[in-house]
């Protein structure tokens, strides 16, 4: 008989991202996005894996309470909300998705660049105030320009 594996998802996640776990025959997935830190500590002993985003703080106390815990997965880039040293001491593997938001970040960067070039935030505020002086919001064409983007992580 195959081993039964319990996964706790404590932050909101895409249904598409969770689909492979939900479809697996020997994996039980509980989605509980309403947990207080104390509630997490109380229920984590019943789980083999914890899947988080950035809201859940995976503290040393949570990791000590997770007696069955084998892995903490971070659906995102950083692991600053996970006590990696405490996880290492507890023998819990910490994984993340460092390239998971690359396309979204690139698209957002382009959108912000275009919004700035065309003064969209200012024009939006102007229209919402019941005004419209079109010549104030002409902006600049991006075509033919050399642009630089600096990423800070």
Protein backbone atom coordinates (compact mmCIF):
# COMPACT_ATOMS: atom_id res chain seq x y z
CA UNK A 1 0.00 0.00 0.00
CA UNK A 2 1.32 3.44 -0.92
CA UNK A 3 2.19 5.93 1.76
CA UNK A 4 -0.40 8.61 2.56
CA UNK A 5 1.05 12.14 2.45
CA UNK A 6 -0.71 15.15 4.00
CA UNK A 7 -0.10 18.68 2.70
CA UNK A 8 -1.25 21.86 4.38
CA UNK A 9 -1.67 24.91 2.15
CA UNK A 10 -1.78 27.93 4.46
CA UNK A 11 -1.78 30.80 1.97
CA UNK A 12 -3.97 31.52 -1.04
CA UNK A 13 -2.69 29.72 -4.15
CA UNK A 14 -3.69 29.25 -7.75
CA UNK A 15 -6.01 26.30 -8.35
CA UNK A 16 -3.94 25.51 -11.43
CA UNK A 17 -0.80 25.33 -9.31
CA UNK A 18 -2.46 23.04 -6.78
CA UNK A 19 -4.07 20.78 -9.40
CA UNK A 20 -1.24 18.19 -9.55
CA UNK A 21 -1.33 17.77 -5.77
CA UNK A 22 -5.11 17.57 -5.69
CA UNK A 23 -5.10 14.92 -8.43
CA UNK A 24 -2.48 12.70 -6.78
CA UNK A 25 -4.09 9.58 -5.31
CA UNK A 26 -2.01 9.34 -2.13
CA UNK A 27 -1.85 13.03 -1.26
CA UNK A 28 -4.40 14.71 0.96
CA UNK A 29 -4.41 18.49 0.55
CA UNK A 30 -5.98 20.78 3.13
CA UNK A 31 -6.30 24.44 2.18
CA UNK A 32 -6.54 26.54 5.35
CA UNK A 33 -5.81 30.18 4.63
CA UNK A 34 -7.45 31.48 7.80
CA UNK A 35 -5.01 30.15 10.39
CA UNK A 36 -3.56 32.23 13.19
CA UNK A 37 0.06 31.48 14.12
CA UNK A 38 -1.16 29.53 17.16
CA UNK A 39 -3.63 27.49 15.10
CA UNK A 40 -0.85 26.64 12.64
CA UNK A 41 1.32 25.39 15.51
CA UNK A 42 -1.58 23.29 16.80
CA UNK A 43 -2.35 21.53 13.50
CA UNK A 44 1.09 21.29 11.85
CA UNK A 45 1.97 18.04 13.70
CA UNK A 46 -0.55 16.25 11.45
CA UNK A 47 1.13 17.22 8.16
CA UNK A 48 4.08 16.03 6.10
CA UNK A 49 4.36 19.18 3.99
CA UNK A 50 3.53 22.85 4.33
CA UNK A 51 2.94 25.01 1.26
CA UNK A 52 3.09 28.79 1.79
CA UNK A 53 3.39 32.07 -0.06
CA UNK A 54 4.45 35.18 1.85
CA UNK A 55 1.75 35.57 4.51
CA UNK A 56 2.50 32.54 6.64
CA UNK A 57 5.48 32.91 8.94
CA UNK A 58 7.21 29.54 9.26
CA UNK A 59 8.98 30.11 12.55
CA UNK A 60 11.24 27.85 14.59
CA UNK A 61 8.23 27.18 16.82
CA UNK A 62 6.14 26.03 13.85
CA UNK A 63 8.98 23.80 12.66
CA UNK A 64 9.49 22.27 16.12
CA UNK A 65 5.77 21.51 16.30
CA UNK A 66 5.82 19.88 12.85
CA UNK A 67 6.98 16.46 14.01
CA UNK A 68 5.92 14.84 10.70
CA UNK A 69 7.01 17.78 8.56
CA UNK A 70 9.45 16.85 5.79
CA UNK A 71 9.24 19.81 3.44
CA UNK A 72 8.18 23.44 3.36
CA UNK A 73 7.44 24.74 -0.12
CA UNK A 74 7.39 28.46 -0.85
CA UNK A 75 5.28 29.29 -3.90
CA UNK A 76 7.40 32.28 -4.79
CA UNK A 77 10.91 33.65 -4.95
CA UNK A 78 12.18 34.41 -1.45
CA UNK A 79 12.21 32.41 1.74
CA UNK A 80 12.38 35.35 4.13
CA UNK A 81 9.21 34.18 5.91
CA UNK A 82 10.75 30.76 6.64
CA UNK A 83 13.30 30.14 9.37
CA UNK A 84 15.67 28.18 7.13
CA UNK A 85 18.22 27.56 9.92
CA UNK A 86 15.53 26.04 12.15
CA UNK A 87 14.25 23.97 9.22
CA UNK A 88 17.76 22.66 8.57
CA UNK A 89 18.17 21.73 12.23
CA UNK A 90 14.82 19.92 12.12
CA UNK A 91 15.75 18.05 8.94
CA UNK A 92 13.01 19.81 6.98
CA UNK A 93 13.76 20.63 3.35
CA UNK A 94 12.87 24.16 2.19
CA UNK A 95 12.15 24.70 -1.49
CA UNK A 96 10.97 27.71 -3.45
CA UNK A 97 10.11 28.73 -7.00
CA UNK A 98 12.78 31.29 -7.90
CA UNK A 99 11.62 31.73 -11.48
CA UNK A 100 7.91 31.42 -10.81
CA UNK A 101 7.13 35.09 -11.31
CA UNK A 102 9.68 36.04 -13.97
CA UNK A 103 7.12 36.58 -16.73
CA UNK A 104 4.73 38.49 -14.45
CA UNK A 105 7.55 40.72 -13.20
CA UNK A 106 8.73 41.42 -16.76
CA UNK A 107 5.20 42.24 -17.90
CA UNK A 108 4.70 44.50 -14.88
CA UNK A 109 7.97 46.30 -15.62
CA UNK A 110 6.91 46.98 -19.22
CA UNK A 111 3.46 48.14 -18.06
CA UNK A 112 5.00 50.54 -15.53
CA UNK A 113 7.44 51.84 -18.12
CA UNK A 114 4.64 52.56 -20.57
CA UNK A 115 2.50 54.15 -17.85
CA UNK A 116 5.35 56.48 -16.91
CA UNK A 117 6.19 57.36 -20.51
CA UNK A 118 2.57 58.27 -21.23
CA UNK A 119 1.75 59.88 -17.83
CA UNK A 120 -1.11 57.44 -17.30
CA UNK A 121 -1.34 57.76 -13.47
CA UNK A 122 -1.51 61.56 -13.71
CA UNK A 123 -4.02 61.47 -16.58
CA UNK A 124 -6.17 58.97 -14.68
CA UNK A 125 -6.25 61.19 -11.59
CA UNK A 126 -7.07 64.19 -13.78
CA UNK A 127 -10.02 62.44 -15.45
CA UNK A 128 -11.33 61.12 -12.13
CA UNK A 129 -11.31 64.71 -10.87
CA UNK A 130 -13.60 65.63 -13.78
CA UNK A 131 -10.90 67.40 -15.75
CA UNK A 132 -9.15 66.71 -19.02
CA UNK A 133 -6.39 68.86 -20.42
CA UNK A 134 -5.10 66.49 -23.03
CA UNK A 135 -1.97 68.46 -23.91
CA UNK A 136 -0.64 68.02 -20.35
CA UNK A 137 -0.46 64.24 -20.76
CA UNK A 138 1.13 63.69 -24.16
CA UNK A 139 4.13 61.87 -22.76
CA UNK A 140 6.96 60.58 -24.90
CA UNK A 141 7.21 57.83 -27.49
CA UNK A 142 9.23 54.84 -26.41
CA UNK A 143 10.02 53.95 -30.01
CA UNK A 144 13.67 54.54 -30.83
CA UNK A 145 14.66 55.01 -27.20
CA UNK A 146 17.26 53.03 -25.31
CA UNK A 147 15.89 51.90 -21.99
CA UNK A 148 17.58 50.33 -19.03
CA UNK A 149 15.95 48.23 -16.35
CA UNK A 150 17.65 47.59 -13.05
CA UNK A 151 16.32 44.75 -10.92
CA UNK A 152 16.71 44.70 -7.18
CA UNK A 153 15.30 41.25 -6.53
